[in-house]
Amino acid sequence: MSDWMQEKLHPHHAQALKLDRVLYDSETDHQRLKVFENGTFGRVLTLDDVVQTTEGDNAIYHEMLTHVPILAHGAAKRVCIVGGGDGGMAREVLRHDSVTHVTMVEIDAGVVEFSKEYLPTLSQGAFDDPRLSLVIDDGAAFMKTTEGGFDVIIVDSTDPIGPGEVLFTDTFYGHAKRALAPGGILVTQNGVPFLQAEELTNTMRAFQALFADATCYMATIPTYAGGPMAFGWGTDGTSRDTPLETLQDRFAAAGLDPFYYTPEVHKAAFALPAYVVKCLP
């Protein structure tokens, strides 16, 4: 099995991906970065042997964390991405010509630099877009001090271990809410509820204390094993109730050509399985 990478994120569940060719393997001050090629998923990025993104299925994750809040909002101009060093989230946000400025806060400059070299298909030139401002900083520290005014905040964090742990705290979410403009939307990645129910429950408990509208929505991403992934949703506005017809009009006007997202998928993503509903406080 030396030519296989085994991910052991969960105590009673593991997945393995074949290492067809290792392109990069190095430790930074924060984590061990690895990029390898896989016959099904193309280039795969792992941090500490946990899959973060792949060329094959990254579009699902990135589209659902960007197009859902941006099209629901309808007038988002300023967007903040916390994390997202591979550039995939910025790529999708910047597909919206209506967005005038994106602040991307990434703790590890090494992730950005090697992603440009080893995973250029993820960013697709996003780092060169003049609308993008890259800030190398701890996301929690930035959110505590930013002047805010963001229409959408996207928390593209790793799992709540190591450097990403602080991005799952009540304090961080409180600071993020303060950084939202009126009617703004906060979305977060919250793992796979079948295997990480506590992660979703804790976030939803914090969201319910902060926002008038707090829930989650879902999408299935093959390399995030264990079932559909949950994305936290928090806002004081009514954007979750945007009619399908309005979403369709906004989608058409945006001129998007997505891999996964459609306005119909957008609406359906908020229909939660019973076991996920039980994760909500």
C-alpha atoms as a PDB file:
ATOM      1  CA  MET A   1       0.000   0.000   0.000  1.00  0.00           C
ATOM      2  CA  SER A   2       3.009   2.334  -0.228  1.00  0.00           C
ATOM      3  CA  ASP A   3       1.554   3.828  -3.407  1.00  0.00           C
ATOM      4  CA  TRP A   4      -1.696   4.744  -1.634  1.00  0.00           C
ATOM      5  CA  MET A   5      -2.465   7.722   0.616  1.00  0.00           C
ATOM      6  CA  GLN A   6      -4.712   6.776   3.511  1.00  0.00           C
ATOM      7  CA  GLU A   7      -6.725   9.544   5.146  1.00  0.00           C
ATOM      8  CA  LYS A   8      -7.579   8.886   8.783  1.00  0.00           C
ATOM      9  CA  LEU A   9      -9.530  12.004   9.672  1.00  0.00           C
ATOM     10  CA  HIS A  10     -12.271  10.028  11.413  1.00  0.00           C
ATOM     11  CA  PRO A  11     -11.641   7.504  14.219  1.00  0.00           C
ATOM     12  CA  HIS A  12     -13.696   4.673  12.690  1.00  0.00           C
ATOM     13  CA  HIS A  13     -13.567   5.477   8.981  1.00  0.00           C
ATOM     14  CA  ALA A  14     -10.792   5.931   6.432  1.00  0.00           C
ATOM     15  CA  GLN A  15     -10.453   6.418   2.717  1.00  0.00           C
ATOM     16  CA  ALA A  16      -7.512   5.791   0.415  1.00  0.00           C
ATOM     17  CA  LEU A  17      -6.436   7.412  -2.838  1.00  0.00           C
ATOM     18  CA  LYS A  18      -3.836   5.968  -5.174  1.00  0.00           C
ATOM     19  CA  LEU A  19      -0.656   7.978  -5.516  1.00  0.00           C
ATOM     20  CA  ASP A  20       0.068   7.762  -9.222  1.00  0.00           C
ATOM     21  CA  ARG A  21       2.791  10.408  -8.945  1.00  0.00           C
ATOM     22  CA  VAL A  22       3.838  12.674  -6.076  1.00  0.00           C
ATOM     23  CA  LEU A  23       4.520  16.193  -7.309  1.00  0.00           C
ATOM     24  CA  TYR A  24       5.143  18.019  -4.051  1.00  0.00           C
ATOM     25  CA  ASP A  25       5.719  16.975  -0.448  1.00  0.00           C
ATOM     26  CA  SER A  26       6.974  19.483   2.083  1.00  0.00           C
ATOM     27  CA  GLU A  27       6.287  20.788   5.569  1.00  0.00           C
ATOM     28  CA  THR A  28       5.680  24.493   6.225  1.00  0.00           C
ATOM     29  CA  ASP A  29       5.579  26.219   9.601  1.00  0.00           C
ATOM     30  CA  HIS A  30       1.894  25.298   9.882  1.00  0.00           C
ATOM     31  CA  GLN A  31       1.285  21.970   8.135  1.00  0.00           C
ATOM     32  CA  ARG A  32       2.516  19.282   5.745  1.00  0.00           C
ATOM     33  CA  LEU A  33       1.551  20.022   2.159  1.00  0.00           C
ATOM     34  CA  LYS A  34       1.360  17.336  -0.488  1.00  0.00           C
ATOM     35  CA  VAL A  35       0.204  17.304  -4.101  1.00  0.00           C
ATOM     36  CA  PHE A  36      -0.104  14.067  -6.037  1.00  0.00           C
ATOM     37  CA  GLU A  37      -1.743  12.846  -9.201  1.00  0.00           C
ATOM     38  CA  ASN A  38      -4.634  10.372  -9.148  1.00  0.00           C
ATOM     39  CA  GLY A  39      -6.147   8.703 -12.198  1.00  0.00           C
ATOM     40  CA  THR A  40      -9.718   9.656 -11.260  1.00  0.00           C
ATOM     41  CA  PHE A  41      -9.382  12.996  -9.481  1.00  0.00           C
ATOM     42  CA  GLY A  42      -6.354  14.500 -11.211  1.00  0.00           C
ATOM     43  CA  ARG A  43      -4.110  16.514  -8.922  1.00  0.00           C
ATOM     44  CA  VAL A  44      -4.973  16.173  -5.235  1.00  0.00           C
ATOM     45  CA  LEU A  45      -3.969  18.559  -2.432  1.00  0.00           C
ATOM     46  CA  THR A  46      -3.652  17.211   1.108  1.00  0.00           C
ATOM     47  CA  LEU A  47      -2.770  18.947   4.365  1.00  0.00           C
ATOM     48  CA  ASP A  48      -1.405  16.575   6.991  1.00  0.00           C
ATOM     49  CA  ASP A  49      -2.707  13.689   4.822  1.00  0.00           C
ATOM     50  CA  VAL A  50      -6.271  14.999   4.834  1.00  0.00           C
ATOM     51  CA  VAL A  51      -7.755  15.712   1.387  1.00  0.00           C
ATOM     52  CA  GLN A  52      -8.447  19.408   0.906  1.00  0.00           C
ATOM     53  CA  THR A  53      -9.288  19.657  -2.774  1.00  0.00           C
ATOM     54  CA  THR A  54      -8.865  17.924  -6.107  1.00  0.00           C
ATOM     55  CA  GLU A  55      -8.927  18.992  -9.727  1.00  0.00           C
ATOM     56  CA  GLY A  56     -11.714  16.505 -10.348  1.00  0.00           C
ATOM     57  CA  ASP A  57     -14.414  17.560  -7.893  1.00  0.00           C
ATOM     58  CA  ASN A  58     -13.372  20.915  -6.389  1.00  0.00           C
ATOM     59  CA  ALA A  59     -15.959  22.771  -8.457  1.00  0.00           C
ATOM     60  CA  ILE A  60     -18.811  21.295  -6.406  1.00  0.00           C
ATOM     61  CA  TYR A  61     -17.459  22.635  -3.134  1.00  0.00           C
ATOM     62  CA  HIS A  62     -16.365  26.002  -4.490  1.00  0.00           C
ATOM     63  CA  GLU A  63     -19.518  26.677  -6.495  1.00  0.00           C
ATOM     64  CA  MET A  64     -21.839  25.863  -3.603  1.00  0.00           C
ATOM     65  CA  LEU A  65     -20.005  28.093  -1.138  1.00  0.00           C
ATOM     66  CA  THR A  66     -19.950  31.035  -3.560  1.00  0.00           C
ATOM     67  CA  HIS A  67     -22.923  31.014  -5.929  1.00  0.00           C
ATOM     68  CA  VAL A  68     -25.477  30.123  -3.254  1.00  0.00           C
ATOM     69  CA  PRO A  69     -24.862  33.174  -1.027  1.00  0.00           C
ATOM     70  CA  ILE A  70     -23.968  35.576  -3.850  1.00  0.00           C
ATOM     71  CA  LEU A  71     -27.023  34.806  -5.993  1.00  0.00           C
ATOM     72  CA  ALA A  72     -29.294  34.641  -2.945  1.00  0.00           C
ATOM     73  CA  HIS A  73     -28.057  38.068  -1.845  1.00  0.00           C
ATOM     74  CA  GLY A  74     -28.569  39.546  -5.279  1.00  0.00           C
ATOM     75  CA  ALA A  75     -26.410  42.651  -4.817  1.00  0.00           C
ATOM     76  CA  ALA A  76     -23.151  41.419  -3.273  1.00  0.00           C
ATOM     77  CA  LYS A  77     -20.233  43.695  -4.066  1.00  0.00           C
ATOM     78  CA  ARG A  78     -17.755  43.085  -1.240  1.00  0.00           C
ATOM     79  CA  VAL A  79     -16.849  39.496  -0.374  1.00  0.00           C
ATOM     80  CA  CYS A  80     -14.429  38.124   2.213  1.00  0.00           C
ATOM     81  CA  ILE A  81     -12.919  34.644   1.942  1.00  0.00           C
ATOM     82  CA  VAL A  82     -11.282  33.218   5.064  1.00  0.00           C
ATOM     83  CA  GLY A  83      -8.848  30.514   3.967  1.00  0.00           C
ATOM     84  CA  GLY A  84      -9.033  29.325   0.380  1.00  0.00           C
ATOM     85  CA  GLY A  85      -5.298  29.429  -0.300  1.00  0.00           C
ATOM     86  CA  ASP A  86      -5.620  27.204  -3.353  1.00  0.00           C
ATOM     87  CA  GLY A  87      -7.530  29.983  -5.123  1.00  0.00           C
ATOM     88  CA  GLY A  88     -10.591  27.942  -6.065  1.00  0.00           C
ATOM     89  CA  MET A  89     -12.988  29.978  -3.948  1.00  0.00           C
ATOM     90  CA  ALA A  90     -11.648  33.250  -5.311  1.00  0.00           C
ATOM     91  CA  ARG A  91     -11.993  31.843  -8.829  1.00  0.00           C
ATOM     92  CA  GLU A  92     -15.713  31.268  -8.377  1.00  0.00           C
ATOM     93  CA  VAL A  93     -16.425  34.532  -6.530  1.00  0.00           C
ATOM     94  CA  LEU A  94     -14.664  36.511  -9.251  1.00  0.00           C
ATOM     95  CA  ARG A  95     -16.846  34.950 -11.940  1.00  0.00           C
ATOM     96  CA  HIS A  96     -19.468  37.403 -10.692  1.00  0.00           C
ATOM     97  CA  ASP A  97     -18.818  40.700 -12.470  1.00  0.00           C
ATOM     98  CA  SER A  98     -21.077  42.382  -9.911  1.00  0.00           C
ATOM     99  CA  VAL A  99     -18.494  41.692  -7.184  1.00  0.00           C
ATOM    100  CA  THR A 100     -16.174  44.701  -7.007  1.00  0.00           C
ATOM    101  CA  HIS A 101     -13.767  43.631  -4.264  1.00  0.00           C
ATOM    102  CA  VAL A 102     -12.670  40.349  -2.698  1.00  0.00           C
ATOM    103  CA  THR A 103     -10.569  40.179   0.466  1.00  0.00           C
ATOM    104  CA  MET A 104      -8.946  36.770   0.871  1.00  0.00           C
ATOM    105  CA  VAL A 105      -7.369  36.019   4.251  1.00  0.00           C
ATOM    106  CA  GLU A 106      -5.004  33.029   4.231  1.00  0.00           C
ATOM    107  CA  ILE A 107      -2.810  32.074   7.181  1.00  0.00           C
ATOM    108  CA  ASP A 108      -0.176  30.222   5.157  1.00  0.00           C
ATOM    109  CA  ALA A 109       1.593  32.005   2.304  1.00  0.00           C
ATOM    110  CA  GLY A 110       3.157  28.675   1.351  1.00  0.00           C
ATOM    111  CA  VAL A 111      -0.238  27.281   0.360  1.00  0.00           C
ATOM    112  CA  VAL A 112      -0.811  30.161  -2.044  1.00  0.00           C
ATOM    113  CA  GLU A 113       2.592  29.960  -3.672  1.00  0.00           C
ATOM    114  CA  PHE A 114       2.668  26.247  -4.268  1.00  0.00           C
ATOM    115  CA  SER A 115      -0.974  26.241  -5.403  1.00  0.00           C
ATOM    116  CA  LYS A 116      -0.053  28.708  -8.123  1.00  0.00           C
ATOM    117  CA  GLU A 117       2.659  26.329  -9.284  1.00  0.00           C
ATOM    118  CA  TYR A 118       1.143  22.893  -8.693  1.00  0.00           C
ATOM    119  CA  LEU A 119      -2.623  23.543  -8.865  1.00  0.00           C
ATOM    120  CA  PRO A 120      -3.011  26.373 -11.394  1.00  0.00           C
ATOM    121  CA  THR A 121      -6.296  24.936 -12.700  1.00  0.00           C
ATOM    122  CA  LEU A 122      -7.901  25.733  -9.342  1.00  0.00           C
ATOM    123  CA  SER A 123      -7.180  29.466  -9.286  1.00  0.00           C
ATOM    124  CA  GLN A 124      -7.278  29.983 -13.077  1.00  0.00           C
ATOM    125  CA  GLY A 125      -5.636  33.382 -12.738  1.00  0.00           C
ATOM    126  CA  ALA A 126      -7.732  34.564  -9.776  1.00  0.00           C
ATOM    127  CA  PHE A 127      -4.646  35.770  -7.910  1.00  0.00           C
ATOM    128  CA  ASP A 128      -3.950  38.225 -10.758  1.00  0.00           C
ATOM    129  CA  ASP A 129      -7.431  39.740 -10.733  1.00  0.00           C
ATOM    130  CA  PRO A 130      -7.178  43.388  -9.589  1.00  0.00           C
ATOM    131  CA  ARG A 131     -10.364  42.974  -7.559  1.00  0.00           C
ATOM    132  CA  LEU A 132      -8.602  40.486  -5.242  1.00  0.00           C
ATOM    133  CA  SER A 133      -6.750  41.652  -2.142  1.00  0.00           C
ATOM    134  CA  LEU A 134      -4.682  38.837  -0.577  1.00  0.00           C
ATOM    135  CA  VAL A 135      -4.010  39.194   3.149  1.00  0.00           C
ATOM    136  CA  ILE A 136      -1.609  36.746   4.815  1.00  0.00           C
ATOM    137  CA  ASP A 137      -2.916  36.633   8.361  1.00  0.00           C
ATOM    138  CA  ASP A 138      -4.734  34.479  10.858  1.00  0.00           C
ATOM    139  CA  GLY A 139      -8.403  34.559   9.878  1.00  0.00           C
ATOM    140  CA  ALA A 140      -9.619  34.951  13.456  1.00  0.00           C
ATOM    141  CA  ALA A 141      -7.275  37.869  14.133  1.00  0.00           C
ATOM    142  CA  PHE A 142      -8.303  39.578  10.900  1.00  0.00           C
ATOM    143  CA  MET A 143     -12.003  39.189  11.598  1.00  0.00           C
ATOM    144  CA  LYS A 144     -11.556  40.654  15.068  1.00  0.00           C
ATOM    145  CA  THR A 145     -10.047  43.881  13.735  1.00  0.00           C
ATOM    146  CA  THR A 146     -11.510  44.379  10.244  1.00  0.00           C
ATOM    147  CA  GLU A 147     -13.791  47.325   9.562  1.00  0.00           C
ATOM    148  CA  GLY A 148     -16.049  44.837   7.783  1.00  0.00           C
ATOM    149  CA  GLY A 149     -18.868  45.927   5.534  1.00  0.00           C
ATOM    150  CA  PHE A 150     -18.852  42.616   3.657  1.00  0.00           C
ATOM    151  CA  ASP A 151     -21.961  41.461   1.826  1.00  0.00           C
ATOM    152  CA  VAL A 152     -20.814  37.840   1.933  1.00  0.00           C
ATOM    153  CA  ILE A 153     -18.246  36.137   4.156  1.00  0.00           C
ATOM    154  CA  ILE A 154     -17.122  32.648   3.132  1.00  0.00           C
ATOM    155  CA  VAL A 155     -15.220  30.578   5.686  1.00  0.00           C
ATOM    156  CA  ASP A 156     -13.226  28.071   3.629  1.00  0.00           C
ATOM    157  CA  SER A 157     -11.507  26.491   6.595  1.00  0.00           C
ATOM    158  CA  THR A 158      -9.841  23.172   7.225  1.00  0.00           C
ATOM    159  CA  ASP A 159     -11.424  20.864   9.799  1.00  0.00           C
ATOM    160  CA  PRO A 160     -11.517  22.119  13.428  1.00  0.00           C
ATOM    161  CA  ILE A 161      -8.084  20.787  14.304  1.00  0.00           C
ATOM    162  CA  GLY A 162      -4.750  22.597  14.233  1.00  0.00           C
ATOM    163  CA  PRO A 163      -4.733  26.038  12.571  1.00  0.00           C
ATOM    164  CA  GLY A 164      -8.395  25.775  11.571  1.00  0.00           C
ATOM    165  CA  GLU A 165      -9.763  25.143  15.058  1.00  0.00           C
ATOM    166  CA  VAL A 166     -10.158  28.805  15.992  1.00  0.00           C
ATOM    167  CA  LEU A 167     -12.446  29.350  12.981  1.00  0.00           C
ATOM    168  CA  PHE A 168     -15.149  27.203  14.608  1.00  0.00           C
ATOM    169  CA  THR A 169     -15.542  29.203  17.819  1.00  0.00           C
ATOM    170  CA  ASP A 170     -18.456  31.336  19.002  1.00  0.00           C
ATOM    171  CA  THR A 171     -16.091  34.298  19.294  1.00  0.00           C
ATOM    172  CA  PHE A 172     -15.012  34.041  15.663  1.00  0.00           C
ATOM    173  CA  TYR A 173     -18.597  33.783  14.446  1.00  0.00           C
ATOM    174  CA  GLY A 174     -19.520  36.818  16.512  1.00  0.00           C
ATOM    175  CA  HIS A 175     -16.734  38.842  14.960  1.00  0.00           C
ATOM    176  CA  ALA A 176     -17.769  37.627  11.501  1.00  0.00           C
ATOM    177  CA  LYS A 177     -21.336  38.788  12.061  1.00  0.00           C
ATOM    178  CA  ARG A 178     -20.092  42.226  13.086  1.00  0.00           C
ATOM    179  CA  ALA A 179     -18.113  42.343   9.829  1.00  0.00           C
ATOM    180  CA  LEU A 180     -21.217  41.799   7.700  1.00  0.00           C
ATOM    181  CA  ALA A 181     -23.042  44.654   6.029  1.00  0.00           C
ATOM    182  CA  PRO A 182     -26.819  44.842   6.620  1.00  0.00           C
ATOM    183  CA  GLY A 183     -28.428  41.843   4.945  1.00  0.00           C
ATOM    184  CA  GLY A 184     -25.048  40.148   4.647  1.00  0.00           C
ATOM    185  CA  ILE A 185     -24.600  36.374   4.611  1.00  0.00           C
ATOM    186  CA  LEU A 186     -22.064  34.184   6.420  1.00  0.00           C
ATOM    187  CA  VAL A 187     -21.424  30.692   5.011  1.00  0.00           C
ATOM    188  CA  THR A 188     -19.071  28.069   6.410  1.00  0.00           C
ATOM    189  CA  GLN A 189     -17.897  24.556   5.651  1.00  0.00           C
ATOM    190  CA  ASN A 190     -19.114  22.226   8.377  1.00  0.00           C
ATOM    191  CA  GLY A 191     -17.908  18.799   7.418  1.00  0.00           C
ATOM    192  CA  VAL A 192     -19.859  15.625   6.745  1.00  0.00           C
ATOM    193  CA  PRO A 193     -22.690  15.417   9.319  1.00  0.00           C
ATOM    194  CA  PHE A 194     -22.918  11.623   9.224  1.00  0.00           C
ATOM    195  CA  LEU A 195     -19.365  11.455  10.595  1.00  0.00           C
ATOM    196  CA  GLN A 196     -18.967  14.939  12.112  1.00  0.00           C
ATOM    197  CA  ALA A 197     -22.359  15.727  13.634  1.00  0.00           C
ATOM    198  CA  GLU A 198     -20.898  17.612  16.585  1.00  0.00           C
ATOM    199  CA  GLU A 199     -19.103  20.033  14.274  1.00  0.00           C
ATOM    200  CA  LEU A 200     -22.380  21.034  12.635  1.00  0.00           C
ATOM    201  CA  THR A 201     -24.310  21.141  15.922  1.00  0.00           C
ATOM    202  CA  ASN A 202     -21.789  23.465  17.551  1.00  0.00           C
ATOM    203  CA  THR A 203     -21.779  25.861  14.609  1.00  0.00           C
ATOM    204  CA  MET A 204     -25.557  25.890  14.373  1.00  0.00           C
ATOM    205  CA  ARG A 205     -25.877  26.607  18.090  1.00  0.00           C
ATOM    206  CA  ALA A 206     -23.649  29.650  17.638  1.00  0.00           C
ATOM    207  CA  PHE A 207     -25.473  30.749  14.477  1.00  0.00           C
ATOM    208  CA  GLN A 208     -28.880  30.493  16.115  1.00  0.00           C
ATOM    209  CA  ALA A 209     -27.714  32.814  18.877  1.00  0.00           C
ATOM    210  CA  LEU A 210     -26.396  35.329  16.345  1.00  0.00           C
ATOM    211  CA  PHE A 211     -28.659  35.320  13.304  1.00  0.00           C
ATOM    212  CA  ALA A 212     -32.361  35.626  12.574  1.00  0.00           C
ATOM    213  CA  ASP A 213     -31.966  32.964   9.885  1.00  0.00           C
ATOM    214  CA  ALA A 214     -29.576  30.153  10.823  1.00  0.00           C
ATOM    215  CA  THR A 215     -29.483  26.782   9.094  1.00  0.00           C
ATOM    216  CA  CYS A 216     -27.349  24.737   6.747  1.00  0.00           C
ATOM    217  CA  TYR A 217     -27.466  23.449   3.195  1.00  0.00           C
ATOM    218  CA  MET A 218     -25.791  20.466   1.572  1.00  0.00           C
ATOM    219  CA  ALA A 219     -23.862  19.095  -1.404  1.00  0.00           C
ATOM    220  CA  THR A 220     -22.179  15.790  -2.154  1.00  0.00           C
ATOM    221  CA  ILE A 221     -18.447  16.018  -2.886  1.00  0.00           C
ATOM    222  CA  PRO A 222     -16.905  12.595  -3.671  1.00  0.00           C
ATOM    223  CA  THR A 223     -13.530  13.077  -1.970  1.00  0.00           C
ATOM    224  CA  TYR A 224     -15.102  14.324   1.274  1.00  0.00           C
ATOM    225  CA  ALA A 225     -16.112  10.803   2.228  1.00  0.00           C
ATOM    226  CA  GLY A 226     -19.026   9.828   4.438  1.00  0.00           C
ATOM    227  CA  GLY A 227     -22.033  11.390   2.719  1.00  0.00           C
ATOM    228  CA  PRO A 228     -23.145  14.928   1.862  1.00  0.00           C
ATOM    229  CA  MET A 229     -21.213  17.890   3.257  1.00  0.00           C
ATOM    230  CA  ALA A 230     -22.978  20.609   5.244  1.00  0.00           C
ATOM    231  CA  PHE A 231     -22.470  24.339   4.779  1.00  0.00           C
ATOM    232  CA  GLY A 232     -23.515  26.708   7.543  1.00  0.00           C
ATOM    233  CA  TRP A 233     -25.786  29.619   6.605  1.00  0.00           C
ATOM    234  CA  GLY A 234     -26.333  32.688   8.756  1.00  0.00           C
ATOM    235  CA  THR A 235     -28.007  36.014   7.951  1.00  0.00           C
ATOM    236  CA  ASP A 236     -30.402  38.549   9.420  1.00  0.00           C
ATOM    237  CA  GLY A 237     -31.954  39.047   6.005  1.00  0.00           C
ATOM    238  CA  THR A 238     -34.523  37.066   4.028  1.00  0.00           C
ATOM    239  CA  SER A 239     -32.264  35.997   1.154  1.00  0.00           C
ATOM    240  CA  ARG A 240     -32.816  32.285   1.760  1.00  0.00           C
ATOM    241  CA  ASP A 241     -36.412  32.833   0.642  1.00  0.00           C
ATOM    242  CA  THR A 242     -35.387  34.256  -2.748  1.00  0.00           C
ATOM    243  CA  PRO A 243     -37.825  32.723  -5.255  1.00  0.00           C
ATOM    244  CA  LEU A 244     -36.546  30.199  -7.781  1.00  0.00           C
ATOM    245  CA  GLU A 245     -37.562  32.464 -10.655  1.00  0.00           C
ATOM    246  CA  THR A 246     -35.444  35.291  -9.226  1.00  0.00           C
ATOM    247  CA  LEU A 247     -32.462  32.968  -8.798  1.00  0.00           C
ATOM    248  CA  GLN A 248     -32.892  31.824 -12.395  1.00  0.00           C
ATOM    249  CA  ASP A 249     -32.897  35.423 -13.620  1.00  0.00           C
ATOM    250  CA  ARG A 250     -29.797  36.299 -11.578  1.00  0.00           C
ATOM    251  CA  PHE A 251     -28.046  33.122 -12.716  1.00  0.00           C
ATOM    252  CA  ALA A 252     -28.728  33.912 -16.372  1.00  0.00           C
ATOM    253  CA  ALA A 253     -27.579  37.515 -15.935  1.00  0.00           C
ATOM    254  CA  ALA A 254     -24.327  36.357 -14.300  1.00  0.00           C
ATOM    255  CA  GLY A 255     -23.472  34.254 -17.336  1.00  0.00           C
ATOM    256  CA  LEU A 256     -22.133  31.377 -15.262  1.00  0.00           C
ATOM    257  CA  ASP A 257     -21.233  28.003 -16.757  1.00  0.00           C
ATOM    258  CA  PRO A 258     -20.977  25.820 -13.634  1.00  0.00           C
ATOM    259  CA  PHE A 259     -20.096  22.179 -13.186  1.00  0.00           C
ATOM    260  CA  TYR A 260     -22.616  21.542 -10.386  1.00  0.00           C
ATOM    261  CA  TYR A 261     -24.619  24.609  -9.363  1.00  0.00           C
ATOM    262  CA  THR A 262     -28.043  25.361 -10.784  1.00  0.00           C
ATOM    263  CA  PRO A 263     -30.797  27.532  -9.274  1.00  0.00           C
ATOM    264  CA  GLU A 264     -32.827  24.341  -8.774  1.00  0.00           C
ATOM    265  CA  VAL A 265     -29.953  22.678  -6.892  1.00  0.00           C
ATOM    266  CA  HIS A 266     -29.616  25.896  -4.872  1.00  0.00           C
ATOM    267  CA  LYS A 267     -33.195  25.668  -3.593  1.00  0.00           C
ATOM    268  CA  ALA A 268     -33.060  21.901  -3.047  1.00  0.00           C
ATOM    269  CA  ALA A 269     -29.811  22.099  -1.065  1.00  0.00           C
ATOM    270  CA  PHE A 270     -31.712  23.582   1.892  1.00  0.00           C
ATOM    271  CA  ALA A 271     -34.010  20.518   2.080  1.00  0.00           C
ATOM    272  CA  LEU A 272     -32.292  18.575   4.855  1.00  0.00           C
ATOM    273  CA  PRO A 273     -32.363  14.814   5.559  1.00  0.00           C
ATOM    274  CA  ALA A 274     -33.890  13.867   8.913  1.00  0.00           C
ATOM    275  CA  TYR A 275     -30.550  12.847  10.426  1.00  0.00           C
ATOM    276  CA  VAL A 276     -29.157  16.296   9.617  1.00  0.00           C
ATOM    277  CA  VAL A 277     -32.204  18.076  11.048  1.00  0.00           C
ATOM    278  CA  LYS A 278     -31.478  16.238  14.288  1.00  0.00           C
ATOM    279  CA  CYS A 279     -28.032  17.843  14.338  1.00  0.00           C
ATOM    280  CA  LEU A 280     -29.629  21.274  14.548  1.00  0.00           C
ATOM    281  CA  PRO A 281     -30.123  22.518  18.124  1.00  0.00           C
END
